[in-house]
Amino acid sequence: MSLWTGVLPAITTPFNTDLSVDHGTVRSHVRWLVSQGCTGIIPCGSLGEGATLSLEEKAAVMRTVVDAVKVPVIPGIAALSTAEAVRLARAAEEAGCAGLMVLPPYVYSSDWREMKAHMSAVLRATKLPCLLYNNPVAYKTDFTPAHLAELAAEHDNAVAVKESSTDARRVTAIRALLGDRLALGVGVDDCLVEGVEAGARFWVAGLVNAFPAESVRLLELSLAGKKQAAFELYRWFLPLLRLDTVPKFVQLIKLVQQEVGWGHERVRGPRLELAGAEREECLRVLREALANRPAL
């Protein structure tokens, strides 16, 4: 089966009370996600607080996930420096990962010449198939369809794109330029149905960490063209899915996980756990969703 199908959870990283990684919860959580129909696991991404994990911690999380499940493990490859990203890509390959999700550089908003050099260095460092992660909203750098075409032309292992620009027209533009050269996936939770309608075929999802069955069903209905049924489920899900689209998405999703019994809201600094009105609003959204949870 292709790596680039189905629902691929970008997992959160659970922490113990001392903020060390809770590998036991990592293991049980990813097994539950797979049991609910998820087709791969993406650790160490933005939702996984990858920026706060050391290279050694990331490699350890990768090994835990690889050992825990039989589905492809596709870790996020993101770093402040190109050299660190290359080391992380090699560590992922050594850990037995099936592919990589490659991000542009953290913090520095590079131009295309610099971003291409960074991405190319990572792509050359591994034989694994790579998912190119475009998220200009978060990273202030943008892979246009033409940029993706350049990378695809020069690197055979650039095989997919996680399109997170929040603009569903981008999926259409990529398909128009590249045909089927790159597998297309949605990377923004509240753009799933629109992205599939435009031609995306997999979903790198966030709220799936707490609601995997609903996430899998929503993608299935969307791919099957069952528009009315997909919309009804989407309409219920949207208030939760929108929690994935704001700066405190990690805290919000971790709080939702905690409330449904899969994790803890602990986060590493500079993030802080939600408090006051923000926390209450998240809980209100969750309570309303649970009170009206649809039968699948």
Protein backbone atom coordinates (compact mmCIF):
# COMPACT_ATOMS: atom_id res chain seq x y z
CA MET A 1 0.00 0.00 0.00
CA SER A 2 1.19 3.51 -0.77
CA LEU A 3 2.50 5.58 2.12
CA TRP A 4 0.38 8.47 0.88
CA THR A 5 -3.15 7.25 1.51
CA GLY A 6 -5.65 7.52 4.33
CA VAL A 7 -5.42 9.48 7.56
CA LEU A 8 -1.89 10.11 8.85
CA PRO A 9 -1.99 11.52 12.39
CA ALA A 10 0.59 14.14 13.23
CA ILE A 11 0.86 12.94 16.81
CA THR A 12 1.35 15.01 19.93
CA THR A 13 4.28 14.18 22.20
CA PRO A 14 3.12 13.22 25.71
CA PHE A 15 5.26 14.31 28.64
CA ASN A 16 5.75 12.99 32.16
CA THR A 17 5.44 15.35 35.13
CA ASP A 18 9.15 16.20 34.77
CA LEU A 19 8.51 16.97 31.06
CA SER A 20 10.54 14.02 29.86
CA VAL A 21 8.92 12.10 26.98
CA ASP A 22 6.33 9.56 28.12
CA HIS A 23 7.18 6.67 25.80
CA GLY A 24 4.57 4.38 27.32
CA THR A 25 1.79 6.77 26.33
CA VAL A 26 3.35 7.26 22.90
CA ARG A 27 3.18 3.51 22.38
CA SER A 28 -0.41 3.02 23.56
CA HIS A 29 -1.67 6.11 21.74
CA VAL A 30 -0.29 5.19 18.31
CA ARG A 31 -1.59 1.63 18.65
CA TRP A 32 -5.06 3.01 19.38
CA LEU A 33 -4.89 5.35 16.39
CA VAL A 34 -3.99 2.47 14.08
CA SER A 35 -6.74 0.29 15.58
CA GLN A 36 -9.21 3.03 14.60
CA GLY A 37 -8.17 2.94 10.95
CA CYS A 38 -5.25 5.37 10.64
CA THR A 39 -2.81 4.29 7.94
CA GLY A 40 0.48 5.83 9.16
CA ILE A 41 1.98 7.87 11.99
CA ILE A 42 3.84 11.19 11.82
CA PRO A 43 5.85 11.91 14.99
CA CYS A 44 8.07 14.91 15.77
CA GLY A 45 6.13 17.45 13.75
CA SER A 46 4.92 20.88 14.82
CA LEU A 47 1.99 19.39 16.72
CA GLY A 48 4.50 17.01 18.33
CA GLU A 49 6.42 20.03 19.68
CA GLY A 50 9.38 19.01 17.58
CA ALA A 51 11.04 22.37 18.13
CA THR A 52 11.39 21.55 21.84
CA LEU A 53 12.77 18.03 21.37
CA SER A 54 16.48 17.28 21.07
CA LEU A 55 17.72 15.19 18.17
CA GLU A 56 18.23 12.30 20.60
CA GLU A 57 14.67 12.63 21.91
CA LYS A 58 13.27 12.70 18.39
CA ALA A 59 15.22 9.58 17.43
CA ALA A 60 13.95 7.83 20.56
CA VAL A 61 10.34 8.75 19.76
CA MET A 62 10.81 7.47 16.21
CA ARG A 63 12.12 4.14 17.50
CA THR A 64 9.23 3.81 19.94
CA VAL A 65 6.65 4.37 17.21
CA VAL A 66 8.39 2.08 14.72
CA ASP A 67 8.45 -0.66 17.34
CA ALA A 68 4.83 -0.09 18.35
CA VAL A 69 2.97 -0.24 15.03
CA LYS A 70 3.12 -2.00 11.67
CA VAL A 71 2.03 1.01 9.59
CA PRO A 72 4.50 3.45 7.99
CA VAL A 73 6.18 5.94 10.33
CA ILE A 74 6.94 9.26 8.63
CA PRO A 75 8.58 11.70 11.06
CA GLY A 76 8.78 15.43 10.67
CA ILE A 77 12.24 16.65 9.66
CA ALA A 78 12.59 20.22 10.87
CA ALA A 79 15.55 22.06 12.35
CA LEU A 80 17.13 25.45 12.78
CA SER A 81 20.06 24.50 10.55
CA THR A 82 20.42 22.48 7.38
CA ALA A 83 23.12 20.33 9.02
CA GLU A 84 20.79 19.42 11.87
CA ALA A 85 17.98 18.55 9.43
CA VAL A 86 20.35 16.26 7.54
CA ARG A 87 21.39 14.53 10.78
CA LEU A 88 17.75 14.09 11.73
CA ALA A 89 16.88 12.59 8.32
CA ARG A 90 19.70 10.07 8.69
CA ALA A 91 18.59 9.25 12.25
CA ALA A 92 15.06 8.59 10.96
CA GLU A 93 16.36 6.20 8.33
CA GLU A 94 18.44 4.38 10.95
CA ALA A 95 15.37 4.12 13.21
CA GLY A 96 13.49 2.21 10.51
CA CYS A 97 11.11 4.95 9.38
CA ALA A 98 9.33 4.43 6.06
CA GLY A 99 9.44 8.02 4.81
CA LEU A 100 10.07 11.61 5.86
CA MET A 101 7.98 14.76 6.13
CA VAL A 102 10.46 17.52 5.27
CA LEU A 103 9.90 21.08 6.46
CA PRO A 104 11.60 24.31 5.43
CA PRO A 105 14.01 25.81 7.99
CA TYR A 106 12.61 26.90 11.33
CA VAL A 107 12.75 30.60 12.27
CA TYR A 108 14.66 31.90 9.24
CA SER A 109 12.22 32.80 6.45
CA SER A 110 14.43 31.87 3.54
CA ASP A 111 14.01 32.89 -0.08
CA TRP A 112 13.51 30.19 -2.72
CA ARG A 113 17.23 29.80 -3.53
CA GLU A 114 17.99 29.16 0.14
CA MET A 115 14.92 27.04 0.78
CA LYS A 116 15.65 24.89 -2.26
CA ALA A 117 19.23 24.35 -1.10
CA HIS A 118 18.00 23.30 2.35
CA MET A 119 15.36 20.93 1.02
CA SER A 120 17.75 19.47 -1.54
CA ALA A 121 20.36 18.75 1.13
CA VAL A 122 17.81 16.76 3.13
CA LEU A 123 16.49 14.94 0.06
CA ARG A 124 20.04 13.96 -0.97
CA ALA A 125 20.81 12.70 2.55
CA THR A 126 18.26 9.88 2.42
CA LYS A 127 16.89 7.23 0.12
CA LEU A 128 13.51 7.38 1.85
CA PRO A 129 10.49 8.81 0.03
CA CYS A 130 9.79 12.35 1.17
CA LEU A 131 6.67 14.40 1.77
CA LEU A 132 7.29 18.12 1.16
CA TYR A 133 5.51 20.20 3.79
CA ASN A 134 4.20 23.55 2.59
CA ASN A 135 2.88 25.74 5.43
CA PRO A 136 3.46 29.41 4.61
CA VAL A 137 1.05 30.50 7.36
CA ALA A 138 3.29 29.04 10.07
CA TYR A 139 6.76 29.16 8.49
CA LYS A 140 6.52 32.32 6.33
CA THR A 141 8.03 30.47 3.40
CA ASP A 142 5.96 29.17 0.52
CA PHE A 143 6.47 26.31 -1.93
CA THR A 144 4.62 27.48 -5.03
CA PRO A 145 3.58 24.81 -7.52
CA ALA A 146 6.55 25.84 -9.67
CA HIS A 147 8.93 25.33 -6.73
CA LEU A 148 7.48 21.89 -6.09
CA ALA A 149 7.97 21.06 -9.76
CA GLU A 150 11.66 22.01 -9.52
CA LEU A 151 12.22 19.77 -6.51
CA ALA A 152 10.29 16.90 -8.10
CA ALA A 153 12.33 17.19 -11.31
CA GLU A 154 15.65 17.04 -9.46
CA HIS A 155 14.89 14.53 -6.69
CA ASP A 156 13.20 11.22 -7.39
CA ASN A 157 12.46 10.74 -3.69
CA ALA A 158 10.36 13.92 -3.54
CA VAL A 159 7.09 12.06 -3.98
CA ALA A 160 4.30 13.87 -2.09
CA VAL A 161 3.22 17.24 -0.75
CA LYS A 162 1.38 18.19 2.42
CA GLU A 163 -0.45 21.31 1.29
CA SER A 164 -1.16 23.57 4.27
CA SER A 165 -1.48 26.98 2.67
CA THR A 166 -5.22 26.94 3.62
CA ASP A 167 -5.96 27.63 -0.07
CA ALA A 168 -7.66 24.65 -1.73
CA ARG A 169 -6.87 26.20 -5.11
CA ARG A 170 -3.25 25.20 -4.53
CA VAL A 171 -4.17 21.52 -4.84
CA THR A 172 -5.71 22.23 -8.23
CA ALA A 173 -2.67 24.25 -9.32
CA ILE A 174 -0.24 21.51 -8.30
CA ARG A 175 -2.26 18.89 -10.19
CA ALA A 176 -2.47 21.13 -13.24
CA LEU A 177 1.30 21.57 -13.34
CA LEU A 178 2.51 18.16 -12.17
CA GLY A 179 -0.29 15.73 -12.91
CA ASP A 180 0.21 12.65 -10.75
CA ARG A 181 3.94 13.20 -10.14
CA LEU A 182 3.33 14.16 -6.49
CA ALA A 183 0.78 12.54 -4.21
CA LEU A 184 -1.36 15.31 -2.73
CA GLY A 185 -2.42 15.57 0.89
CA VAL A 186 -4.33 18.07 3.00
CA GLY A 187 -2.47 19.40 6.04
CA VAL A 188 -5.06 21.77 7.51
CA ASP A 189 -7.85 20.12 9.46
CA ASP A 190 -10.65 22.46 8.41
CA CYS A 191 -9.79 22.28 4.71
CA LEU A 192 -10.18 18.53 4.32
CA VAL A 193 -13.38 18.28 2.31
CA GLU A 194 -12.39 21.17 0.02
CA GLY A 195 -8.94 19.67 -0.51
CA VAL A 196 -10.29 16.24 -1.43
CA GLU A 197 -12.76 17.84 -3.83
CA ALA A 198 -9.77 19.50 -5.52
CA GLY A 199 -7.88 16.22 -5.80
CA ALA A 200 -6.05 15.53 -2.52
CA ARG A 201 -5.98 11.87 -1.49
CA PHE A 202 -4.61 11.76 2.05
CA TRP A 203 -4.88 13.79 5.25
CA VAL A 204 -2.15 14.74 7.72
CA ALA A 205 -4.50 15.44 10.60
CA GLY A 206 -4.42 16.94 14.09
CA LEU A 207 -7.74 16.40 15.90
CA VAL A 208 -7.41 12.76 14.86
CA ASN A 209 -5.31 12.43 18.04
CA ALA A 210 -8.59 12.48 19.99
CA PHE A 211 -11.15 11.59 17.31
CA PRO A 212 -9.61 9.01 14.95
CA ALA A 213 -12.80 7.17 13.98
CA GLU A 214 -14.51 10.38 12.91
CA SER A 215 -11.42 11.52 11.01
CA VAL A 216 -11.12 8.24 9.11
CA ARG A 217 -14.84 8.26 8.28
CA LEU A 218 -14.74 11.87 7.06
CA LEU A 219 -11.91 11.12 4.64
CA GLU A 220 -13.64 7.94 3.45
CA LEU A 221 -16.90 9.76 2.72
CA SER A 222 -15.07 12.60 0.98
CA LEU A 223 -13.04 10.28 -1.24
CA ALA A 224 -16.16 8.27 -2.08
CA GLY A 225 -17.94 11.40 -3.27
CA LYS A 226 -20.72 11.02 -0.70
CA LYS A 227 -21.02 14.77 -0.39
CA GLN A 228 -24.11 15.08 1.78
CA ALA A 229 -22.94 12.51 4.32
CA ALA A 230 -19.45 14.03 4.33
CA PHE A 231 -20.85 17.51 4.88
CA GLU A 232 -23.05 16.42 7.78
CA LEU A 233 -20.07 14.88 9.57
CA TYR A 234 -17.86 17.85 8.62
CA ARG A 235 -20.39 20.34 9.99
CA TRP A 236 -20.32 18.54 13.36
CA PHE A 237 -16.53 18.27 13.33
CA LEU A 238 -15.60 21.80 12.18
CA PRO A 239 -15.59 23.56 15.60
CA LEU A 240 -13.08 20.96 16.79
CA LEU A 241 -11.09 20.96 13.55
CA ARG A 242 -10.65 24.72 13.77
CA LEU A 243 -8.67 24.22 16.99
CA ASP A 244 -5.87 22.99 14.70
CA THR A 245 -5.58 26.31 12.87
CA VAL A 246 -4.50 28.78 15.56
CA PRO A 247 -1.13 29.45 17.28
CA LYS A 248 -2.08 27.51 20.43
CA PHE A 249 -3.14 24.43 18.47
CA VAL A 250 -0.80 22.20 20.48
CA GLN A 251 -2.29 23.21 23.82
CA LEU A 252 -5.83 22.98 22.48
CA ILE A 253 -5.43 19.53 20.98
CA LYS A 254 -3.60 18.22 24.04
CA LEU A 255 -6.40 19.49 26.27
CA VAL A 256 -9.00 17.76 24.07
CA GLN A 257 -6.96 14.55 24.24
CA GLN A 258 -6.77 14.76 28.00
CA GLU A 259 -10.52 15.24 28.32
CA VAL A 260 -11.29 12.17 26.19
CA GLY A 261 -8.76 10.02 28.00
CA TRP A 262 -5.77 9.96 25.65
CA GLY A 263 -2.95 12.01 27.09
CA HIS A 264 -2.25 15.03 29.24
CA GLU A 265 -2.28 18.76 28.56
CA ARG A 266 1.35 19.17 29.67
CA VAL A 267 3.46 21.12 27.16
CA ARG A 268 7.07 22.29 27.07
CA GLY A 269 7.99 25.95 27.25
CA PRO A 270 7.70 28.45 25.77
CA ARG A 271 4.17 27.06 25.48
CA LEU A 272 2.09 27.09 28.65
CA GLU A 273 -1.04 25.12 29.42
CA LEU A 274 -4.26 26.95 28.64
CA ALA A 275 -5.87 28.99 31.40
CA GLY A 276 -8.92 31.12 32.03
CA ALA A 277 -11.30 31.99 29.21
CA GLU A 278 -9.20 30.26 26.52
CA ARG A 279 -9.34 26.96 28.38
CA GLU A 280 -13.05 27.28 29.12
CA GLU A 281 -13.87 28.03 25.50
CA CYS A 282 -12.00 24.93 24.33
CA LEU A 283 -13.86 22.82 26.89
CA ARG A 284 -17.17 24.35 25.79
CA VAL A 285 -16.50 23.42 22.17
CA LEU A 286 -15.56 19.91 23.21
CA ARG A 287 -18.59 19.46 25.48
CA GLU A 288 -20.92 20.55 22.69
CA ALA A 289 -19.28 18.18 20.24
CA LEU A 290 -19.48 15.23 22.62
CA ALA A 291 -23.12 15.97 23.41
CA ASN A 292 -23.95 15.80 19.69
CA ARG A 293 -21.45 13.15 18.60
CA PRO A 294 -22.79 11.37 15.53
CA ALA A 295 -23.14 7.62 15.19
CA LEU A 296 -20.72 6.32 12.59
